[in-house]
Amino acid sequence: MPAKVNGEKTVMPLIRAEQIMSKPVFYLRTSDTVRQAASLLLDKGISGVPVLDHFEKPVGVITKTDIVRYEREYVSMSIADETRRIMRARGTLEMVAESRGFHRESEEDYVLKWMTPKIYRVGRSAPLAVITREMVKKRVHRLFVTDEKTGKIFGVITTFDLLKFFSRVLLTDAGKREKNCLQLR
């Protein structure tokens, strides 16, 4: 029997955020540098992390896009053209992660300056329909799954998580149809 979300019938059982979220969630603090952010994203193979203040509350998110902007607007101006060309060939994240010594650290180097100050979140019990609608409406690639009362981050749902979930559903459904077709023969 189809489930209902906001009065509308859905074709699959009610799937909630906590069932499809990825964990653990890696994070940075406002006092961390963009170089540390680039290293974390590279090491973990992820595209963004929440930034927490000294009260452990999320205040923003730093993404690969933010790091590319940092490299283009700030780092590139402080190093020689030839060095910049060589480093671009290796990739922006790798370049920023290994940028020690190219310029002196300043307040321009902290994630607080370059992060996206808006963090989008859903509750642990948010249904899949709400999750996908929010991601499309807000034009974001990730939603952080938080406790509705405390705001603590428990997980993250990315576009990749949704693709994995939908591909499993489609493959399972296709397998059932194929089995039914074989039984009819």
N, C-alpha and C. Protein backbone atom coordinates (compact mmCIF):
# COMPACT_ATOMS: atom_id res chain seq x y z
N MET A 1 0.84 -1.18 0.00
CA MET A 1 0.00 0.00 0.00
C MET A 1 0.89 1.24 0.00
N PRO A 2 0.63 2.20 -0.89
CA PRO A 2 1.47 3.40 -0.96
C PRO A 2 1.37 4.23 0.32
N ALA A 3 2.47 4.87 0.67
CA ALA A 3 2.47 5.78 1.82
C ALA A 3 2.00 7.15 1.36
N LYS A 4 1.65 8.02 2.32
CA LYS A 4 1.25 9.38 1.99
C LYS A 4 2.24 10.36 2.59
N VAL A 5 2.62 11.36 1.81
CA VAL A 5 3.46 12.45 2.27
C VAL A 5 2.74 13.73 1.92
N ASN A 6 2.43 14.54 2.92
CA ASN A 6 1.68 15.78 2.71
C ASN A 6 0.40 15.53 1.93
N GLY A 7 -0.27 14.43 2.23
CA GLY A 7 -1.55 14.13 1.59
C GLY A 7 -1.44 13.51 0.21
N GLU A 8 -0.21 13.37 -0.33
CA GLU A 8 -0.03 12.80 -1.67
C GLU A 8 0.45 11.36 -1.55
N LYS A 9 -0.08 10.49 -2.43
CA LYS A 9 0.37 9.10 -2.43
C LYS A 9 1.76 9.00 -3.03
N THR A 10 2.58 8.15 -2.45
CA THR A 10 3.90 7.88 -3.01
C THR A 10 3.92 6.42 -3.47
N VAL A 11 4.79 6.12 -4.41
CA VAL A 11 4.83 4.77 -4.98
C VAL A 11 5.73 3.82 -4.20
N MET A 12 6.53 4.33 -3.30
CA MET A 12 7.39 3.45 -2.52
C MET A 12 7.11 3.66 -1.04
N PRO A 13 7.54 2.71 -0.22
CA PRO A 13 7.32 2.87 1.22
C PRO A 13 7.97 4.16 1.72
N LEU A 14 7.51 4.64 2.84
CA LEU A 14 8.04 5.88 3.40
C LEU A 14 9.48 5.68 3.86
N ILE A 15 10.40 6.31 3.15
CA ILE A 15 11.83 6.24 3.46
C ILE A 15 12.19 7.53 4.18
N ARG A 16 12.93 7.42 5.25
CA ARG A 16 13.29 8.58 6.07
C ARG A 16 14.78 8.89 5.96
N ALA A 17 15.13 10.13 6.31
CA ALA A 17 16.50 10.61 6.20
C ALA A 17 17.51 9.68 6.86
N GLU A 18 17.21 9.24 8.07
CA GLU A 18 18.18 8.41 8.79
C GLU A 18 18.45 7.07 8.13
N GLN A 19 17.58 6.66 7.18
CA GLN A 19 17.78 5.39 6.48
C GLN A 19 18.74 5.52 5.29
N ILE A 20 18.92 6.72 4.78
CA ILE A 20 19.78 6.88 3.59
C ILE A 20 20.97 7.80 3.82
N MET A 21 21.08 8.38 5.01
CA MET A 21 22.18 9.32 5.27
C MET A 21 23.51 8.58 5.37
N SER A 22 24.57 9.32 5.08
CA SER A 22 25.94 8.80 5.25
C SER A 22 26.46 9.26 6.61
N LYS A 23 27.25 8.39 7.23
CA LYS A 23 27.91 8.72 8.48
C LYS A 23 29.29 8.08 8.44
N PRO A 24 30.23 8.53 9.19
CA PRO A 24 30.19 9.70 10.05
C PRO A 24 30.27 10.98 9.24
N VAL A 25 29.93 12.08 9.88
CA VAL A 25 30.07 13.38 9.25
C VAL A 25 31.38 13.98 9.74
N PHE A 26 32.24 14.32 8.80
CA PHE A 26 33.48 14.99 9.14
C PHE A 26 33.18 16.48 9.19
N TYR A 27 33.91 17.23 9.97
CA TYR A 27 33.64 18.65 10.10
C TYR A 27 34.92 19.42 10.34
N LEU A 28 34.82 20.73 10.20
CA LEU A 28 35.92 21.64 10.51
C LEU A 28 35.40 22.69 11.47
N ARG A 29 36.30 23.44 12.03
CA ARG A 29 35.94 24.56 12.91
C ARG A 29 36.27 25.87 12.19
N THR A 30 35.67 26.94 12.67
CA THR A 30 35.90 28.25 12.04
C THR A 30 37.37 28.65 12.10
N SER A 31 38.12 28.10 13.04
CA SER A 31 39.54 28.43 13.20
C SER A 31 40.45 27.59 12.30
N ASP A 32 39.90 26.62 11.57
CA ASP A 32 40.71 25.80 10.67
C ASP A 32 41.00 26.55 9.37
N THR A 33 42.07 26.14 8.71
CA THR A 33 42.47 26.82 7.47
C THR A 33 41.87 26.13 6.25
N VAL A 34 41.88 26.85 5.15
CA VAL A 34 41.40 26.29 3.89
C VAL A 34 42.30 25.13 3.48
N ARG A 35 43.58 25.21 3.79
CA ARG A 35 44.50 24.11 3.50
C ARG A 35 44.07 22.85 4.25
N GLN A 36 43.68 22.99 5.51
CA GLN A 36 43.19 21.84 6.28
C GLN A 36 41.90 21.30 5.66
N ALA A 37 41.05 22.20 5.18
CA ALA A 37 39.79 21.78 4.53
C ALA A 37 40.10 20.97 3.28
N ALA A 38 41.01 21.47 2.44
CA ALA A 38 41.36 20.77 1.21
C ALA A 38 41.93 19.39 1.53
N SER A 39 42.78 19.30 2.54
CA SER A 39 43.36 18.01 2.93
C SER A 39 42.28 17.04 3.39
N LEU A 40 41.33 17.52 4.20
CA LEU A 40 40.25 16.66 4.69
C LEU A 40 39.39 16.14 3.53
N LEU A 41 39.02 17.04 2.62
CA LEU A 41 38.19 16.62 1.48
C LEU A 41 38.92 15.59 0.63
N LEU A 42 40.20 15.80 0.41
CA LEU A 42 41.00 14.83 -0.36
C LEU A 42 41.12 13.49 0.36
N ASP A 43 41.48 13.54 1.63
CA ASP A 43 41.69 12.31 2.41
C ASP A 43 40.43 11.46 2.50
N LYS A 44 39.28 12.10 2.65
CA LYS A 44 38.02 11.38 2.85
C LYS A 44 37.25 11.16 1.55
N GLY A 45 37.70 11.78 0.46
CA GLY A 45 37.00 11.62 -0.83
C GLY A 45 35.61 12.21 -0.82
N ILE A 46 35.46 13.36 -0.17
CA ILE A 46 34.16 14.02 -0.06
C ILE A 46 34.22 15.40 -0.68
N SER A 47 33.07 16.03 -0.85
CA SER A 47 33.04 17.32 -1.55
C SER A 47 32.71 18.51 -0.66
N GLY A 48 32.38 18.28 0.59
CA GLY A 48 32.07 19.39 1.48
C GLY A 48 31.87 18.92 2.90
N VAL A 49 32.12 19.82 3.85
CA VAL A 49 31.94 19.50 5.27
C VAL A 49 31.34 20.70 5.99
N PRO A 50 30.57 20.42 7.06
CA PRO A 50 30.05 21.53 7.85
C PRO A 50 31.17 22.19 8.65
N VAL A 51 30.98 23.47 8.93
CA VAL A 51 31.92 24.23 9.76
C VAL A 51 31.20 24.55 11.06
N LEU A 52 31.84 24.19 12.19
CA LEU A 52 31.24 24.40 13.51
C LEU A 52 31.91 25.56 14.23
N ASP A 53 31.12 26.28 15.04
CA ASP A 53 31.70 27.32 15.88
C ASP A 53 32.21 26.70 17.18
N HIS A 54 32.69 27.54 18.10
CA HIS A 54 33.25 27.00 19.34
C HIS A 54 32.19 26.41 20.27
N PHE A 55 30.90 26.59 19.95
CA PHE A 55 29.81 25.97 20.71
C PHE A 55 29.34 24.67 20.07
N GLU A 56 30.08 24.21 19.02
CA GLU A 56 29.74 22.99 18.28
C GLU A 56 28.48 23.14 17.43
N LYS A 57 28.08 24.36 17.14
CA LYS A 57 26.90 24.61 16.31
C LYS A 57 27.35 24.83 14.87
N PRO A 58 26.64 24.25 13.90
CA PRO A 58 27.00 24.47 12.49
C PRO A 58 26.71 25.91 12.07
N VAL A 59 27.72 26.54 11.45
CA VAL A 59 27.58 27.93 11.01
C VAL A 59 27.76 28.08 9.50
N GLY A 60 28.11 26.99 8.84
CA GLY A 60 28.31 27.06 7.40
C GLY A 60 28.83 25.74 6.87
N VAL A 61 29.19 25.76 5.60
CA VAL A 61 29.73 24.56 4.96
C VAL A 61 30.85 25.01 4.03
N ILE A 62 31.94 24.26 4.00
CA ILE A 62 33.01 24.55 3.04
C ILE A 62 33.06 23.40 2.04
N THR A 63 33.07 23.77 0.76
CA THR A 63 32.98 22.79 -0.31
C THR A 63 34.17 22.93 -1.26
N LYS A 64 34.27 21.98 -2.18
CA LYS A 64 35.30 22.07 -3.22
C LYS A 64 35.17 23.39 -3.97
N THR A 65 33.94 23.80 -4.24
CA THR A 65 33.71 25.06 -4.97
C THR A 65 34.29 26.24 -4.20
N ASP A 66 34.10 26.27 -2.88
CA ASP A 66 34.65 27.35 -2.06
C ASP A 66 36.18 27.35 -2.12
N ILE A 67 36.78 26.17 -2.13
CA ILE A 67 38.24 26.06 -2.17
C ILE A 67 38.77 26.51 -3.53
N VAL A 68 38.06 26.19 -4.60
CA VAL A 68 38.46 26.67 -5.93
C VAL A 68 38.40 28.20 -5.96
N ARG A 69 37.35 28.77 -5.36
CA ARG A 69 37.22 30.24 -5.30
C ARG A 69 38.38 30.85 -4.50
N TYR A 70 38.73 30.23 -3.39
CA TYR A 70 39.87 30.67 -2.57
C TYR A 70 41.15 30.67 -3.41
N GLU A 71 41.36 29.58 -4.12
CA GLU A 71 42.58 29.46 -4.94
C GLU A 71 42.62 30.54 -6.02
N ARG A 72 41.50 30.74 -6.68
CA ARG A 72 41.46 31.72 -7.78
C ARG A 72 41.57 33.15 -7.29
N GLU A 73 40.87 33.47 -6.21
CA GLU A 73 40.81 34.86 -5.75
C GLU A 73 41.95 35.25 -4.84
N TYR A 74 42.54 34.31 -4.14
CA TYR A 74 43.55 34.68 -3.15
C TYR A 74 44.91 34.06 -3.39
N VAL A 75 44.98 32.75 -3.45
CA VAL A 75 46.28 32.08 -3.57
C VAL A 75 46.94 32.42 -4.89
N SER A 76 46.20 32.40 -5.98
CA SER A 76 46.79 32.64 -7.29
C SER A 76 47.45 34.00 -7.39
N MET A 77 46.95 34.97 -6.65
CA MET A 77 47.54 36.30 -6.71
C MET A 77 48.87 36.35 -5.98
N SER A 78 49.13 35.39 -5.09
CA SER A 78 50.33 35.48 -4.26
C SER A 78 51.48 34.57 -4.71
N ILE A 79 51.32 33.86 -5.82
CA ILE A 79 52.41 33.01 -6.29
C ILE A 79 52.71 33.32 -7.76
N ALA A 80 53.90 32.96 -8.17
CA ALA A 80 54.34 33.26 -9.53
C ALA A 80 53.52 32.48 -10.56
N ASP A 81 53.38 33.06 -11.76
CA ASP A 81 52.58 32.44 -12.82
C ASP A 81 53.02 31.02 -13.15
N GLU A 82 54.32 30.78 -13.26
CA GLU A 82 54.81 29.46 -13.62
C GLU A 82 54.45 28.43 -12.55
N THR A 83 54.64 28.79 -11.30
CA THR A 83 54.29 27.89 -10.20
C THR A 83 52.80 27.59 -10.23
N ARG A 84 51.99 28.62 -10.48
CA ARG A 84 50.54 28.46 -10.53
C ARG A 84 50.15 27.48 -11.65
N ARG A 85 50.76 27.59 -12.82
CA ARG A 85 50.45 26.68 -13.94
C ARG A 85 50.77 25.23 -13.57
N ILE A 86 51.91 25.03 -12.96
CA ILE A 86 52.31 23.68 -12.55
C ILE A 86 51.32 23.13 -11.54
N MET A 87 50.95 23.95 -10.57
CA MET A 87 50.05 23.48 -9.52
C MET A 87 48.64 23.24 -10.04
N ARG A 88 48.17 24.05 -10.97
CA ARG A 88 46.84 23.84 -11.54
C ARG A 88 46.76 22.50 -12.26
N ALA A 89 47.86 22.12 -12.89
CA ALA A 89 47.89 20.84 -13.60
C ALA A 89 47.68 19.68 -12.63
N ARG A 90 48.10 19.85 -11.40
CA ARG A 90 47.94 18.79 -10.39
C ARG A 90 46.56 18.77 -9.78
N GLY A 91 45.82 19.85 -9.89
CA GLY A 91 44.48 19.90 -9.31
C GLY A 91 44.42 20.89 -8.16
N THR A 92 43.33 21.62 -8.11
CA THR A 92 43.18 22.68 -7.13
C THR A 92 43.21 22.16 -5.69
N LEU A 93 42.48 21.08 -5.40
CA LEU A 93 42.47 20.59 -4.01
C LEU A 93 43.86 20.17 -3.56
N GLU A 94 44.56 19.42 -4.41
CA GLU A 94 45.91 18.99 -4.07
C GLU A 94 46.81 20.21 -3.88
N MET A 95 46.65 21.19 -4.77
CA MET A 95 47.48 22.39 -4.71
C MET A 95 47.26 23.13 -3.40
N VAL A 96 46.02 23.33 -3.02
CA VAL A 96 45.74 24.07 -1.78
C VAL A 96 46.20 23.25 -0.57
N ALA A 97 45.97 21.94 -0.61
CA ALA A 97 46.36 21.08 0.51
C ALA A 97 47.87 21.12 0.76
N GLU A 98 48.64 21.33 -0.29
CA GLU A 98 50.10 21.31 -0.17
C GLU A 98 50.72 22.68 -0.33
N SER A 99 49.96 23.75 -0.09
CA SER A 99 50.42 25.10 -0.42
C SER A 99 51.31 25.74 0.64
N ARG A 100 51.80 25.00 1.59
CA ARG A 100 52.68 25.56 2.61
C ARG A 100 53.86 26.29 1.97
N GLY A 101 54.15 27.45 2.49
CA GLY A 101 55.34 28.16 2.05
C GLY A 101 55.14 29.07 0.86
N PHE A 102 54.01 29.02 0.17
CA PHE A 102 53.83 29.90 -0.98
C PHE A 102 53.43 31.30 -0.56
N HIS A 103 52.82 31.43 0.58
CA HIS A 103 52.49 32.75 1.11
C HIS A 103 52.35 32.62 2.62
N ARG A 104 52.47 33.73 3.30
CA ARG A 104 52.33 33.69 4.75
C ARG A 104 50.87 33.58 5.12
N GLU A 105 50.60 32.81 6.16
CA GLU A 105 49.22 32.61 6.60
C GLU A 105 48.64 33.93 7.11
N SER A 106 47.40 34.20 6.72
CA SER A 106 46.71 35.40 7.18
C SER A 106 45.25 35.04 7.44
N GLU A 107 44.46 36.01 7.85
CA GLU A 107 43.04 35.73 8.10
C GLU A 107 42.32 35.31 6.83
N GLU A 108 42.92 35.58 5.67
CA GLU A 108 42.34 35.15 4.40
C GLU A 108 42.36 33.63 4.25
N ASP A 109 43.16 32.95 5.06
CA ASP A 109 43.34 31.50 4.92
C ASP A 109 42.37 30.66 5.74
N TYR A 110 41.49 31.26 6.50
CA TYR A 110 40.60 30.50 7.37
C TYR A 110 39.27 30.19 6.69
N VAL A 111 38.73 29.01 7.02
CA VAL A 111 37.48 28.58 6.39
C VAL A 111 36.34 29.55 6.66
N LEU A 112 36.38 30.24 7.79
CA LEU A 112 35.33 31.20 8.13
C LEU A 112 35.16 32.25 7.03
N LYS A 113 36.25 32.65 6.41
CA LYS A 113 36.21 33.67 5.34
C LYS A 113 35.64 33.11 4.04
N TRP A 114 35.86 31.82 3.74
CA TRP A 114 35.53 31.26 2.43
C TRP A 114 34.35 30.31 2.42
N MET A 115 33.87 29.91 3.58
CA MET A 115 32.75 28.96 3.64
C MET A 115 31.46 29.60 3.13
N THR A 116 30.51 28.76 2.78
CA THR A 116 29.16 29.22 2.46
C THR A 116 28.45 29.32 3.81
N PRO A 117 27.96 30.52 4.17
CA PRO A 117 27.43 30.69 5.52
C PRO A 117 26.05 30.09 5.76
N LYS A 118 25.48 29.50 4.76
CA LYS A 118 24.16 28.89 4.90
C LYS A 118 24.34 27.38 4.93
N ILE A 119 23.69 26.74 5.89
CA ILE A 119 23.76 25.28 5.96
C ILE A 119 22.32 24.77 5.90
N TYR A 120 22.08 23.86 4.98
CA TYR A 120 20.73 23.32 4.81
C TYR A 120 20.64 21.99 5.53
N ARG A 121 19.53 21.81 6.23
CA ARG A 121 19.38 20.61 7.04
C ARG A 121 17.96 20.09 7.01
N VAL A 122 17.85 18.82 7.36
CA VAL A 122 16.55 18.17 7.54
C VAL A 122 16.62 17.36 8.82
N GLY A 123 15.46 17.07 9.37
CA GLY A 123 15.41 16.24 10.57
C GLY A 123 15.63 14.77 10.23
N ARG A 124 15.96 13.99 11.23
CA ARG A 124 16.24 12.57 11.02
C ARG A 124 15.04 11.82 10.46
N SER A 125 13.84 12.30 10.76
CA SER A 125 12.64 11.59 10.30
C SER A 125 12.05 12.19 9.02
N ALA A 126 12.76 13.12 8.39
CA ALA A 126 12.26 13.73 7.15
C ALA A 126 12.07 12.66 6.08
N PRO A 127 10.90 12.65 5.40
CA PRO A 127 10.67 11.66 4.34
C PRO A 127 11.46 11.99 3.08
N LEU A 128 11.72 10.97 2.29
CA LEU A 128 12.48 11.10 1.05
C LEU A 128 11.91 12.18 0.13
N ALA A 129 10.59 12.28 0.04
CA ALA A 129 9.98 13.29 -0.83
C ALA A 129 10.37 14.70 -0.39
N VAL A 130 10.42 14.94 0.90
CA VAL A 130 10.82 16.26 1.42
C VAL A 130 12.30 16.50 1.14
N ILE A 131 13.12 15.49 1.34
CA ILE A 131 14.56 15.61 1.11
C ILE A 131 14.85 16.00 -0.34
N THR A 132 14.29 15.26 -1.28
CA THR A 132 14.56 15.54 -2.69
C THR A 132 13.99 16.89 -3.09
N ARG A 133 12.81 17.22 -2.60
CA ARG A 133 12.20 18.52 -2.92
C ARG A 133 13.08 19.67 -2.41
N GLU A 134 13.59 19.54 -1.19
CA GLU A 134 14.44 20.59 -0.61
C GLU A 134 15.75 20.76 -1.39
N MET A 135 16.35 19.64 -1.78
CA MET A 135 17.61 19.73 -2.53
C MET A 135 17.40 20.41 -3.87
N VAL A 136 16.30 20.08 -4.54
CA VAL A 136 16.00 20.71 -5.83
C VAL A 136 15.66 22.18 -5.63
N LYS A 137 14.80 22.46 -4.68
CA LYS A 137 14.35 23.84 -4.43
C LYS A 137 15.52 24.75 -4.03
N LYS A 138 16.40 24.25 -3.18
CA LYS A 138 17.53 25.05 -2.69
C LYS A 138 18.74 24.97 -3.62
N ARG A 139 18.68 24.05 -4.60
CA ARG A 139 19.77 23.87 -5.56
C ARG A 139 21.09 23.53 -4.85
N VAL A 140 21.02 22.53 -3.95
CA VAL A 140 22.20 22.11 -3.19
C VAL A 140 22.47 20.63 -3.43
N HIS A 141 23.69 20.24 -3.17
CA HIS A 141 24.11 18.85 -3.37
C HIS A 141 24.18 18.06 -2.08
N ARG A 142 23.87 18.71 -0.96
CA ARG A 142 23.90 18.00 0.32
C ARG A 142 22.96 18.66 1.31
N LEU A 143 22.37 17.82 2.15
CA LEU A 143 21.58 18.28 3.29
C LEU A 143 22.14 17.57 4.52
N PHE A 144 22.32 18.31 5.58
CA PHE A 144 22.80 17.70 6.81
C PHE A 144 21.60 17.24 7.62
N VAL A 145 21.71 16.04 8.16
CA VAL A 145 20.63 15.44 8.94
C VAL A 145 20.90 15.77 10.41
N THR A 146 19.95 16.48 11.02
CA THR A 146 20.16 16.96 12.38
C THR A 146 19.06 16.50 13.32
N ASP A 147 19.38 16.50 14.59
CA ASP A 147 18.38 16.25 15.62
C ASP A 147 17.48 17.48 15.67
N GLU A 148 16.18 17.26 15.63
CA GLU A 148 15.23 18.37 15.58
C GLU A 148 15.31 19.27 16.80
N LYS A 149 15.70 18.73 17.96
CA LYS A 149 15.74 19.53 19.19
C LYS A 149 17.08 20.21 19.43
N THR A 150 18.16 19.47 19.27
CA THR A 150 19.48 20.00 19.62
C THR A 150 20.22 20.64 18.45
N GLY A 151 19.85 20.29 17.23
CA GLY A 151 20.56 20.79 16.06
C GLY A 151 21.85 20.03 15.77
N LYS A 152 22.16 19.01 16.57
CA LYS A 152 23.38 18.22 16.37
C LYS A 152 23.30 17.47 15.04
N ILE A 153 24.41 17.47 14.31
CA ILE A 153 24.46 16.80 13.01
C ILE A 153 24.74 15.31 13.21
N PHE A 154 23.86 14.48 12.64
CA PHE A 154 24.01 13.02 12.74
C PHE A 154 24.48 12.39 11.44
N GLY A 155 24.22 13.04 10.33
CA GLY A 155 24.58 12.46 9.04
C GLY A 155 24.46 13.50 7.95
N VAL A 156 24.72 13.05 6.74
CA VAL A 156 24.60 13.93 5.58
C VAL A 156 23.98 13.11 4.45
N ILE A 157 23.13 13.77 3.68
CA ILE A 157 22.56 13.15 2.48
C ILE A 157 23.05 13.97 1.30
N THR A 158 23.77 13.31 0.40
CA THR A 158 24.30 13.98 -0.79
C THR A 158 23.56 13.48 -2.02
N THR A 159 23.79 14.15 -3.14
CA THR A 159 23.19 13.68 -4.38
C THR A 159 23.68 12.26 -4.69
N PHE A 160 24.91 11.96 -4.33
CA PHE A 160 25.44 10.61 -4.54
C PHE A 160 24.68 9.58 -3.70
N ASP A 161 24.35 9.93 -2.45
CA ASP A 161 23.55 9.03 -1.61
C ASP A 161 22.19 8.75 -2.25
N LEU A 162 21.57 9.79 -2.80
CA LEU A 162 20.27 9.61 -3.46
C LEU A 162 20.41 8.73 -4.70
N LEU A 163 21.46 8.94 -5.49
CA LEU A 163 21.68 8.10 -6.67
C LEU A 163 21.88 6.64 -6.27
N LYS A 164 22.65 6.40 -5.22
CA LYS A 164 22.85 5.02 -4.74
C LYS A 164 21.52 4.40 -4.33
N PHE A 165 20.72 5.16 -3.58
CA PHE A 165 19.43 4.64 -3.11
C PHE A 165 18.51 4.33 -4.28
N PHE A 166 18.36 5.30 -5.20
CA PHE A 166 17.45 5.09 -6.33
C PHE A 166 17.94 3.97 -7.25
N SER A 167 19.25 3.83 -7.42
CA SER A 167 19.73 2.75 -8.28
C SER A 167 19.44 1.39 -7.64
N ARG A 168 19.57 1.29 -6.31
CA ARG A 168 19.20 0.03 -5.63
C ARG A 168 17.73 -0.28 -5.82
N VAL A 169 16.88 0.74 -5.68
CA VAL A 169 15.44 0.55 -5.84
C VAL A 169 15.14 0.11 -7.27
N LEU A 170 15.73 0.80 -8.24
CA LEU A 170 15.47 0.47 -9.65
C LEU A 170 15.99 -0.91 -10.00
N LEU A 171 17.18 -1.25 -9.52
CA LEU A 171 17.73 -2.58 -9.81
C LEU A 171 16.89 -3.67 -9.16
N THR A 172 16.45 -3.44 -7.94
CA THR A 172 15.59 -4.41 -7.26
C THR A 172 14.29 -4.57 -8.01
N ASP A 173 13.68 -3.45 -8.40
CA ASP A 173 12.42 -3.48 -9.14
C ASP A 173 12.60 -4.16 -10.50
N ALA A 174 13.71 -3.84 -11.18
CA ALA A 174 13.97 -4.46 -12.49
C ALA A 174 14.17 -5.97 -12.32
N GLY A 175 14.85 -6.37 -11.25
CA GLY A 175 15.06 -7.79 -10.99
C GLY A 175 13.75 -8.52 -10.76
N LYS A 176 12.84 -7.89 -10.04
CA LYS A 176 11.52 -8.51 -9.80
C LYS A 176 10.75 -8.65 -11.11
N ARG A 177 10.78 -7.61 -11.94
CA ARG A 177 10.07 -7.67 -13.23
C ARG A 177 10.66 -8.76 -14.11
N GLU A 178 12.00 -8.85 -14.13
CA GLU A 178 12.67 -9.86 -14.95
C GLU A 178 12.29 -11.27 -14.47
N LYS A 179 12.25 -11.47 -13.17
CA LYS A 179 11.88 -12.77 -12.61
C LYS A 179 10.44 -13.10 -12.99
N ASN A 180 9.55 -12.12 -12.90
CA ASN A 180 8.15 -12.33 -13.28
C ASN A 180 8.03 -12.69 -14.76
N CYS A 181 8.82 -12.03 -15.61
CA CYS A 181 8.78 -12.32 -17.05
C CYS A 181 9.27 -13.74 -17.32
N LEU A 182 10.32 -14.18 -16.60
CA LEU A 182 10.84 -15.53 -16.79
C LEU A 182 9.82 -16.57 -16.36
N GLN A 183 9.07 -16.27 -15.30
CA GLN A 183 8.06 -17.21 -14.83
C GLN A 183 6.90 -17.33 -15.82
N LEU A 184 6.63 -16.27 -16.58
CA LEU A 184 5.54 -16.29 -17.54
C LEU A 184 5.88 -17.14 -18.77
N ARG A 185 7.15 -17.34 -19.06
CA ARG A 185 7.57 -18.06 -20.27
C ARG A 185 7.40 -19.52 -20.15
